């Protein structure tokens, strides 16, 4: 996890190593009811990240995901008030 202040924004980033996620998973990760991890035994609704993204928008922020070098990266970003 990291938290940093940039010139025009505040950025909170969480990184997890993964060998099972694909670009398709990342593209759909915020879709309602999408569950990409088939290895889990628990039943999930797939609503958590969709709700998180909606909350970030209400807080005038952005939530986005990327996949880079076998790392799943979630980024929350808020513009600084001027």
PDB file of N, CA and C in Angstrom:
ATOM      1  N   UNK A   1       0.840  -1.166   0.000  1.00  0.00           N
ATOM      2  CA  UNK A   1       0.000   0.000   0.000  1.00  0.00           C
ATOM      3  C   UNK A   1       0.889   1.234   0.000  1.00  0.00           C
ATOM      4  N   UNK A   2       0.395   2.276  -0.660  1.00  0.00           N
ATOM      5  CA  UNK A   2       1.123   3.539  -0.619  1.00  0.00           C
ATOM      6  C   UNK A   2       0.132   4.692  -0.694  1.00  0.00           C
ATOM      7  N   UNK A   3       0.527   5.786  -0.102  1.00  0.00           N
ATOM      8  CA  UNK A   3      -0.247   7.020  -0.135  1.00  0.00           C
ATOM      9  C   UNK A   3       0.720   8.129  -0.477  1.00  0.00           C
ATOM     10  N   UNK A   4       0.413   8.885  -1.543  1.00  0.00           N
ATOM     11  CA  UNK A   4       1.329   9.956  -1.907  1.00  0.00           C
ATOM     12  C   UNK A   4       0.563  11.176  -2.396  1.00  0.00           C
ATOM     13  N   UNK A   5       1.218  12.293  -2.238  1.00  0.00           N
ATOM     14  CA  UNK A   5       0.667  13.559  -2.704  1.00  0.00           C
ATOM     15  C   UNK A   5       1.406  13.948  -3.979  1.00  0.00           C
ATOM     16  N   UNK A   6       0.634  14.172  -5.030  1.00  0.00           N
ATOM     17  CA  UNK A   6       1.204  14.634  -6.287  1.00  0.00           C
ATOM     18  C   UNK A   6       0.845  16.106  -6.444  1.00  0.00           C
ATOM     19  N   UNK A   7       1.290  16.720  -7.506  1.00  0.00           N
ATOM     20  CA  UNK A   7       1.075  18.158  -7.678  1.00  0.00           C
ATOM     21  C   UNK A   7      -0.402  18.539  -7.682  1.00  0.00           C
ATOM     22  N   UNK A   8      -1.252  17.709  -8.269  1.00  0.00           N
ATOM     23  CA  UNK A   8      -2.663  18.076  -8.351  1.00  0.00           C
ATOM     24  C   UNK A   8      -3.609  17.036  -7.744  1.00  0.00           C
ATOM     25  N   UNK A   9      -3.064  15.989  -7.094  1.00  0.00           N
ATOM     26  CA  UNK A   9      -3.937  14.951  -6.562  1.00  0.00           C
ATOM     27  C   UNK A   9      -3.301  14.197  -5.388  1.00  0.00           C
ATOM     28  N   UNK A  10      -4.149  13.461  -4.697  1.00  0.00           N
ATOM     29  CA  UNK A  10      -3.740  12.534  -3.652  1.00  0.00           C
ATOM     30  C   UNK A  10      -4.020  11.135  -4.195  1.00  0.00           C
ATOM     31  N   UNK A  11      -3.046  10.226  -4.070  1.00  0.00           N
ATOM     32  CA  UNK A  11      -3.173   8.906  -4.672  1.00  0.00           C
ATOM     33  C   UNK A  11      -2.922   7.823  -3.620  1.00  0.00           C
ATOM     34  N   UNK A  12      -3.879   6.925  -3.477  1.00  0.00           N
ATOM     35  CA  UNK A  12      -3.769   5.766  -2.591  1.00  0.00           C
ATOM     36  C   UNK A  12      -3.747   4.528  -3.486  1.00  0.00           C
ATOM     37  N   UNK A  13      -2.698   3.698  -3.345  1.00  0.00           N
ATOM     38  CA  UNK A  13      -2.515   2.550  -4.217  1.00  0.00           C
ATOM     39  C   UNK A  13      -2.329   1.277  -3.398  1.00  0.00           C
ATOM     40  N   UNK A  14      -2.983   0.220  -3.853  1.00  0.00           N
ATOM     41  CA  UNK A  14      -2.837  -1.110  -3.250  1.00  0.00           C
ATOM     42  C   UNK A  14      -2.384  -2.050  -4.361  1.00  0.00           C
ATOM     43  N   UNK A  15      -1.349  -2.839  -4.086  1.00  0.00           N
ATOM     44  CA  UNK A  15      -0.811  -3.790  -5.076  1.00  0.00           C
ATOM     45  C   UNK A  15      -0.824  -5.195  -4.489  1.00  0.00           C
ATOM     46  N   UNK A  16      -1.219  -6.157  -5.318  1.00  0.00           N
ATOM     47  CA  UNK A  16      -1.177  -7.570  -4.947  1.00  0.00           C
ATOM     48  C   UNK A  16      -0.566  -8.367  -6.080  1.00  0.00           C
ATOM     49  N   UNK A  17       0.307  -9.295  -5.742  1.00  0.00           N
ATOM     50  CA  UNK A  17       0.860 -10.188  -6.761  1.00  0.00           C
ATOM     51  C   UNK A  17      -0.235 -11.151  -7.205  1.00  0.00           C
ATOM     52  N   UNK A  18      -0.241 -11.474  -8.505  1.00  0.00           N
ATOM     53  CA  UNK A  18      -1.209 -12.429  -9.023  1.00  0.00           C
ATOM     54  C   UNK A  18      -0.656 -13.134 -10.250  1.00  0.00           C
ATOM     55  N   UNK A  19      -0.985 -14.386 -10.365  1.00  0.00           N
ATOM     56  CA  UNK A  19      -0.670 -15.144 -11.566  1.00  0.00           C
ATOM     57  C   UNK A  19      -1.939 -15.659 -12.227  1.00  0.00           C
ATOM     58  N   UNK A  20      -3.090 -15.347 -11.633  1.00  0.00           N
ATOM     59  CA  UNK A  20      -4.344 -15.882 -12.156  1.00  0.00           C
ATOM     60  C   UNK A  20      -5.225 -14.841 -12.835  1.00  0.00           C
ATOM     61  N   UNK A  21      -5.008 -13.572 -12.579  1.00  0.00           N
ATOM     62  CA  UNK A  21      -5.851 -12.536 -13.196  1.00  0.00           C
ATOM     63  C   UNK A  21      -5.419 -12.287 -14.637  1.00  0.00           C
ATOM     64  N   UNK A  22      -6.404 -11.927 -15.447  1.00  0.00           N
ATOM     65  CA  UNK A  22      -6.151 -11.596 -16.841  1.00  0.00           C
ATOM     66  C   UNK A  22      -6.568 -10.160 -17.103  1.00  0.00           C
ATOM     67  N   UNK A  23      -6.185  -9.638 -18.250  1.00  0.00           N
ATOM     68  CA  UNK A  23      -6.620  -8.292 -18.640  1.00  0.00           C
ATOM     69  C   UNK A  23      -8.145  -8.221 -18.697  1.00  0.00           C
ATOM     70  N   UNK A  24      -8.784  -9.313 -19.125  1.00  0.00           N
ATOM     71  CA  UNK A  24     -10.253  -9.344 -19.181  1.00  0.00           C
ATOM     72  C   UNK A  24     -10.846  -9.185 -17.782  1.00  0.00           C
ATOM     73  N   UNK A  25     -10.244  -9.840 -16.781  1.00  0.00           N
ATOM     74  CA  UNK A  25     -10.705  -9.678 -15.402  1.00  0.00           C
ATOM     75  C   UNK A  25     -10.625  -8.219 -14.978  1.00  0.00           C
ATOM     76  N   UNK A  26      -9.511  -7.578 -15.280  1.00  0.00           N
ATOM     77  CA  UNK A  26      -9.306  -6.183 -14.877  1.00  0.00           C
ATOM     78  C   UNK A  26     -10.310  -5.266 -15.583  1.00  0.00           C
ATOM     79  N   UNK A  27     -10.579  -5.530 -16.855  1.00  0.00           N
ATOM     80  CA  UNK A  27     -11.544  -4.716 -17.597  1.00  0.00           C
ATOM     81  C   UNK A  27     -12.948  -4.823 -17.018  1.00  0.00           C
ATOM     82  N   UNK A  28     -13.279  -5.959 -16.420  1.00  0.00           N
ATOM     83  CA  UNK A  28     -14.630  -6.193 -15.911  1.00  0.00           C
ATOM     84  C   UNK A  28     -14.741  -6.097 -14.399  1.00  0.00           C
ATOM     85  N   UNK A  29     -13.661  -5.808 -13.711  1.00  0.00           N
ATOM     86  CA  UNK A  29     -13.616  -5.901 -12.255  1.00  0.00           C
ATOM     87  C   UNK A  29     -14.655  -5.013 -11.549  1.00  0.00           C
ATOM     88  N   UNK A  30     -15.070  -3.919 -12.168  1.00  0.00           N
ATOM     89  CA  UNK A  30     -16.045  -3.023 -11.557  1.00  0.00           C
ATOM     90  C   UNK A  30     -17.472  -3.281 -12.043  1.00  0.00           C
ATOM     91  N   UNK A  31     -17.651  -4.270 -12.925  1.00  0.00           N
ATOM     92  CA  UNK A  31     -18.989  -4.633 -13.384  1.00  0.00           C
ATOM     93  C   UNK A  31     -19.759  -5.267 -12.238  1.00  0.00           C
ATOM     94  N   UNK A  32     -21.021  -4.883 -12.114  1.00  0.00           N
ATOM     95  CA  UNK A  32     -21.851  -5.477 -11.072  1.00  0.00           C
ATOM     96  C   UNK A  32     -21.986  -6.966 -11.316  1.00  0.00           C
ATOM     97  N   UNK A  33     -21.865  -7.729 -10.267  1.00  0.00           N
ATOM     98  CA  UNK A  33     -22.041  -9.180 -10.238  1.00  0.00           C
ATOM     99  C   UNK A  33     -20.905  -9.965 -10.905  1.00  0.00           C
ATOM    100  N   UNK A  34     -19.830  -9.298 -11.320  1.00  0.00           N
ATOM    101  CA  UNK A  34     -18.698 -10.020 -11.911  1.00  0.00           C
ATOM    102  C   UNK A  34     -17.823 -10.590 -10.807  1.00  0.00           C
ATOM    103  N   UNK A  35     -17.551 -11.876 -10.857  1.00  0.00           N
ATOM    104  CA  UNK A  35     -16.622 -12.526  -9.926  1.00  0.00           C
ATOM    105  C   UNK A  35     -15.601 -13.280 -10.765  1.00  0.00           C
ATOM    106  N   UNK A  36     -14.377 -12.826 -10.739  1.00  0.00           N
ATOM    107  CA  UNK A  36     -13.350 -13.398 -11.589  1.00  0.00           C
ATOM    108  C   UNK A  36     -12.574 -14.525 -10.958  1.00  0.00           C
ATOM    109  N   UNK A  37     -12.576 -14.622  -9.630  1.00  0.00           N
ATOM    110  CA  UNK A  37     -11.768 -15.630  -8.946  1.00  0.00           C
ATOM    111  C   UNK A  37     -12.573 -16.913  -8.774  1.00  0.00           C
ATOM    112  N   UNK A  38     -12.385 -17.857  -9.687  1.00  0.00           N
ATOM    113  CA  UNK A  38     -13.128 -19.112  -9.633  1.00  0.00           C
ATOM    114  C   UNK A  38     -12.555 -20.082  -8.610  1.00  0.00           C
ATOM    115  N   UNK A  39     -11.391 -19.774  -8.052  1.00  0.00           N
ATOM    116  CA  UNK A  39     -10.755 -20.670  -7.085  1.00  0.00           C
ATOM    117  C   UNK A  39     -11.377 -20.566  -5.695  1.00  0.00           C
ATOM    118  N   UNK A  40     -12.099 -19.510  -5.443  1.00  0.00           N
ATOM    119  CA  UNK A  40     -12.694 -19.336  -4.116  1.00  0.00           C
ATOM    120  C   UNK A  40     -13.928 -20.208  -3.975  1.00  0.00           C
ATOM    121  N   UNK A  41     -14.094 -20.779  -2.794  1.00  0.00           N
ATOM    122  CA  UNK A  41     -15.250 -21.632  -2.530  1.00  0.00           C
ATOM    123  C   UNK A  41     -16.462 -20.837  -2.088  1.00  0.00           C
ATOM    124  N   UNK A  42     -16.245 -19.675  -1.505  1.00  0.00           N
ATOM    125  CA  UNK A  42     -17.353 -18.874  -0.993  1.00  0.00           C
ATOM    126  C   UNK A  42     -18.110 -18.241  -2.144  1.00  0.00           C
ATOM    127  N   UNK A  43     -19.401 -18.138  -1.965  1.00  0.00           N
ATOM    128  CA  UNK A  43     -20.236 -17.471  -2.962  1.00  0.00           C
ATOM    129  C   UNK A  43     -20.187 -15.976  -2.685  1.00  0.00           C
ATOM    130  N   UNK A  44     -19.901 -15.188  -3.692  1.00  0.00           N
ATOM    131  CA  UNK A  44     -19.879 -13.741  -3.560  1.00  0.00           C
ATOM    132  C   UNK A  44     -20.846 -13.121  -4.537  1.00  0.00           C
ATOM    133  N   UNK A  45     -21.265 -11.910  -4.239  1.00  0.00           N
ATOM    134  CA  UNK A  45     -22.222 -11.237  -5.116  1.00  0.00           C
ATOM    135  C   UNK A  45     -21.550 -10.461  -6.221  1.00  0.00           C
ATOM    136  N   UNK A  46     -20.258 -10.118  -6.050  1.00  0.00           N
ATOM    137  CA  UNK A  46     -19.579  -9.326  -7.057  1.00  0.00           C
ATOM    138  C   UNK A  46     -19.987  -7.868  -7.037  1.00  0.00           C
ATOM    139  N   UNK A  47     -20.552  -7.397  -5.929  1.00  0.00           N
ATOM    140  CA  UNK A  47     -20.994  -6.005  -5.839  1.00  0.00           C
ATOM    141  C   UNK A  47     -19.985  -5.085  -5.174  1.00  0.00           C
ATOM    142  N   UNK A  48     -19.035  -5.625  -4.422  1.00  0.00           N
ATOM    143  CA  UNK A  48     -18.135  -4.813  -3.606  1.00  0.00           C
ATOM    144  C   UNK A  48     -17.381  -3.744  -4.367  1.00  0.00           C
ATOM    145  N   UNK A  49     -16.716  -4.092  -5.456  1.00  0.00           N
ATOM    146  CA  UNK A  49     -15.923  -3.100  -6.182  1.00  0.00           C
ATOM    147  C   UNK A  49     -16.795  -2.149  -6.986  1.00  0.00           C
ATOM    148  N   UNK A  50     -17.955  -2.605  -7.415  1.00  0.00           N
ATOM    149  CA  UNK A  50     -18.894  -1.708  -8.095  1.00  0.00           C
ATOM    150  C   UNK A  50     -19.374  -0.621  -7.130  1.00  0.00           C
ATOM    151  N   UNK A  51     -19.691  -1.027  -5.907  1.00  0.00           N
ATOM    152  CA  UNK A  51     -20.111  -0.065  -4.876  1.00  0.00           C
ATOM    153  C   UNK A  51     -18.961   0.859  -4.509  1.00  0.00           C
ATOM    154  N   UNK A  52     -17.761   0.306  -4.385  1.00  0.00           N
ATOM    155  CA  UNK A  52     -16.583   1.126  -4.055  1.00  0.00           C
ATOM    156  C   UNK A  52     -16.351   2.206  -5.106  1.00  0.00           C
ATOM    157  N   UNK A  53     -16.481   1.841  -6.376  1.00  0.00           N
ATOM    158  CA  UNK A  53     -16.289   2.816  -7.445  1.00  0.00           C
ATOM    159  C   UNK A  53     -17.355   3.910  -7.385  1.00  0.00           C
ATOM    160  N   UNK A  54     -18.590   3.547  -7.089  1.00  0.00           N
ATOM    161  CA  UNK A  54     -19.666   4.534  -6.954  1.00  0.00           C
ATOM    162  C   UNK A  54     -19.395   5.485  -5.790  1.00  0.00           C
ATOM    163  N   UNK A  55     -18.911   4.943  -4.681  1.00  0.00           N
ATOM    164  CA  UNK A  55     -18.591   5.786  -3.523  1.00  0.00           C
ATOM    165  C   UNK A  55     -17.456   6.751  -3.832  1.00  0.00           C
ATOM    166  N   UNK A  56     -16.452   6.275  -4.547  1.00  0.00           N
ATOM    167  CA  UNK A  56     -15.340   7.163  -4.922  1.00  0.00           C
ATOM    168  C   UNK A  56     -15.839   8.328  -5.782  1.00  0.00           C
ATOM    169  N   UNK A  57     -16.746   8.061  -6.704  1.00  0.00           N
ATOM    170  CA  UNK A  57     -17.304   9.128  -7.538  1.00  0.00           C
ATOM    171  C   UNK A  57     -18.047  10.149  -6.686  1.00  0.00           C
ATOM    172  N   UNK A  58     -18.783   9.670  -5.668  1.00  0.00           N
ATOM    173  CA  UNK A  58     -19.511  10.574  -4.774  1.00  0.00           C
ATOM    174  C   UNK A  58     -18.560  11.425  -3.937  1.00  0.00           C
ATOM    175  N   UNK A  59     -17.333  10.924  -3.734  1.00  0.00           N
ATOM    176  CA  UNK A  59     -16.320  11.670  -2.981  1.00  0.00           C
ATOM    177  C   UNK A  59     -15.402  12.457  -3.916  1.00  0.00           C
ATOM    178  N   UNK A  60     -15.868  12.680  -5.153  1.00  0.00           N
ATOM    179  CA  UNK A  60     -15.109  13.420  -6.158  1.00  0.00           C
ATOM    180  C   UNK A  60     -13.750  12.802  -6.432  1.00  0.00           C
ATOM    181  N   UNK A  61     -13.735  11.476  -6.462  1.00  0.00           N
ATOM    182  CA  UNK A  61     -12.499  10.755  -6.740  1.00  0.00           C
ATOM    183  C   UNK A  61     -12.694   9.746  -7.846  1.00  0.00           C
ATOM    184  N   UNK A  62     -11.640   9.000  -8.095  1.00  0.00           N
ATOM    185  CA  UNK A  62     -11.639   7.950  -9.110  1.00  0.00           C
ATOM    186  C   UNK A  62     -11.085   6.678  -8.498  1.00  0.00           C
ATOM    187  N   UNK A  63     -11.616   5.551  -8.923  1.00  0.00           N
ATOM    188  CA  UNK A  63     -11.076   4.251  -8.544  1.00  0.00           C
ATOM    189  C   UNK A  63     -10.866   3.476  -9.832  1.00  0.00           C
ATOM    190  N   UNK A  64      -9.641   3.011 -10.044  1.00  0.00           N
ATOM    191  CA  UNK A  64      -9.384   2.241 -11.252  1.00  0.00           C
ATOM    192  C   UNK A  64      -8.396   1.128 -10.953  1.00  0.00           C
ATOM    193  N   UNK A  65      -8.355   0.146 -11.862  1.00  0.00           N
ATOM    194  CA  UNK A  65      -7.511  -1.032 -11.673  1.00  0.00           C
ATOM    195  C   UNK A  65      -6.651  -1.244 -12.904  1.00  0.00           C
ATOM    196  N   UNK A  66      -5.447  -1.779 -12.663  1.00  0.00           N
ATOM    197  CA  UNK A  66      -4.544  -2.133 -13.751  1.00  0.00           C
ATOM    198  C   UNK A  66      -3.852  -3.445 -13.404  1.00  0.00           C
ATOM    199  N   UNK A  67      -3.293  -4.059 -14.423  1.00  0.00           N
ATOM    200  CA  UNK A  67      -2.511  -5.276 -14.255  1.00  0.00           C
ATOM    201  C   UNK A  67      -1.166  -5.030 -14.917  1.00  0.00           C
ATOM    202  N   UNK A  68      -0.088  -5.128 -14.116  1.00  0.00           N
ATOM    203  CA  UNK A  68       1.240  -4.831 -14.643  1.00  0.00           C
ATOM    204  C   UNK A  68       2.276  -5.714 -13.953  1.00  0.00           C
ATOM    205  N   UNK A  69       3.076  -6.412 -14.747  1.00  0.00           N
ATOM    206  CA  UNK A  69       4.151  -7.261 -14.207  1.00  0.00           C
ATOM    207  C   UNK A  69       3.653  -8.216 -13.123  1.00  0.00           C
ATOM    208  N   UNK A  70       2.556  -8.904 -13.400  1.00  0.00           N
ATOM    209  CA  UNK A  70       1.954  -9.868 -12.478  1.00  0.00           C
ATOM    210  C   UNK A  70       1.519  -9.217 -11.163  1.00  0.00           C
ATOM    211  N   UNK A  71       1.165  -7.935 -11.223  1.00  0.00           N
ATOM    212  CA  UNK A  71       0.621  -7.251 -10.058  1.00  0.00           C
ATOM    213  C   UNK A  71      -0.728  -6.647 -10.412  1.00  0.00           C
ATOM    214  N   UNK A  72      -1.703  -6.912  -9.543  1.00  0.00           N
ATOM    215  CA  UNK A  72      -3.018  -6.287  -9.659  1.00  0.00           C
ATOM    216  C   UNK A  72      -2.951  -5.004  -8.842  1.00  0.00           C
ATOM    217  N   UNK A  73      -3.224  -3.877  -9.480  1.00  0.00           N
ATOM    218  CA  UNK A  73      -3.048  -2.576  -8.835  1.00  0.00           C
ATOM    219  C   UNK A  73      -4.377  -1.840  -8.798  1.00  0.00           C
ATOM    220  N   UNK A  74      -4.819  -1.492  -7.590  1.00  0.00           N
ATOM    221  CA  UNK A  74      -6.035  -0.687  -7.404  1.00  0.00           C
ATOM    222  C   UNK A  74      -5.580   0.702  -6.978  1.00  0.00           C
ATOM    223  N   UNK A  75      -6.119   1.720  -7.633  1.00  0.00           N
ATOM    224  CA  UNK A  75      -5.715   3.098  -7.348  1.00  0.00           C
ATOM    225  C   UNK A  75      -6.936   3.959  -7.060  1.00  0.00           C
ATOM    226  N   UNK A  76      -6.891   4.646  -5.926  1.00  0.00           N
ATOM    227  CA  UNK A  76      -7.883   5.662  -5.571  1.00  0.00           C
ATOM    228  C   UNK A  76      -7.193   7.010  -5.745  1.00  0.00           C
ATOM    229  N   UNK A  77      -7.849   7.917  -6.454  1.00  0.00           N
ATOM    230  CA  UNK A  77      -7.219   9.209  -6.722  1.00  0.00           C
ATOM    231  C   UNK A  77      -8.237  10.331  -6.527  1.00  0.00           C
ATOM    232  N   UNK A  78      -7.827  11.335  -5.758  1.00  0.00           N
ATOM    233  CA  UNK A  78      -8.658  12.515  -5.523  1.00  0.00           C
ATOM    234  C   UNK A  78      -7.918  13.738  -5.991  1.00  0.00           C
ATOM    235  N   UNK A  79      -8.625  14.635  -6.702  1.00  0.00           N
ATOM    236  CA  UNK A  79      -8.013  15.903  -7.108  1.00  0.00           C
ATOM    237  C   UNK A  79      -7.937  16.801  -5.884  1.00  0.00           C
ATOM    238  N   UNK A  80      -6.837  17.528  -5.787  1.00  0.00           N
ATOM    239  CA  UNK A  80      -6.658  18.483  -4.681  1.00  0.00           C
ATOM    240  C   UNK A  80      -7.544  19.687  -4.927  1.00  0.00           C
ATOM    241  N   UNK A  81      -8.063  20.198  -3.863  1.00  0.00           N
ATOM    242  CA  UNK A  81      -8.860  21.431  -3.948  1.00  0.00           C
ATOM    243  C   UNK A  81      -7.928  22.614  -4.107  1.00  0.00           C
ATOM    244  N   UNK A  82      -8.342  23.543  -4.935  1.00  0.00           N
ATOM    245  CA  UNK A  82      -7.505  24.732  -5.140  1.00  0.00           C
ATOM    246  C   UNK A  82      -8.077  25.931  -4.452  1.00  0.00           C
TER     247      UNK A  82
END
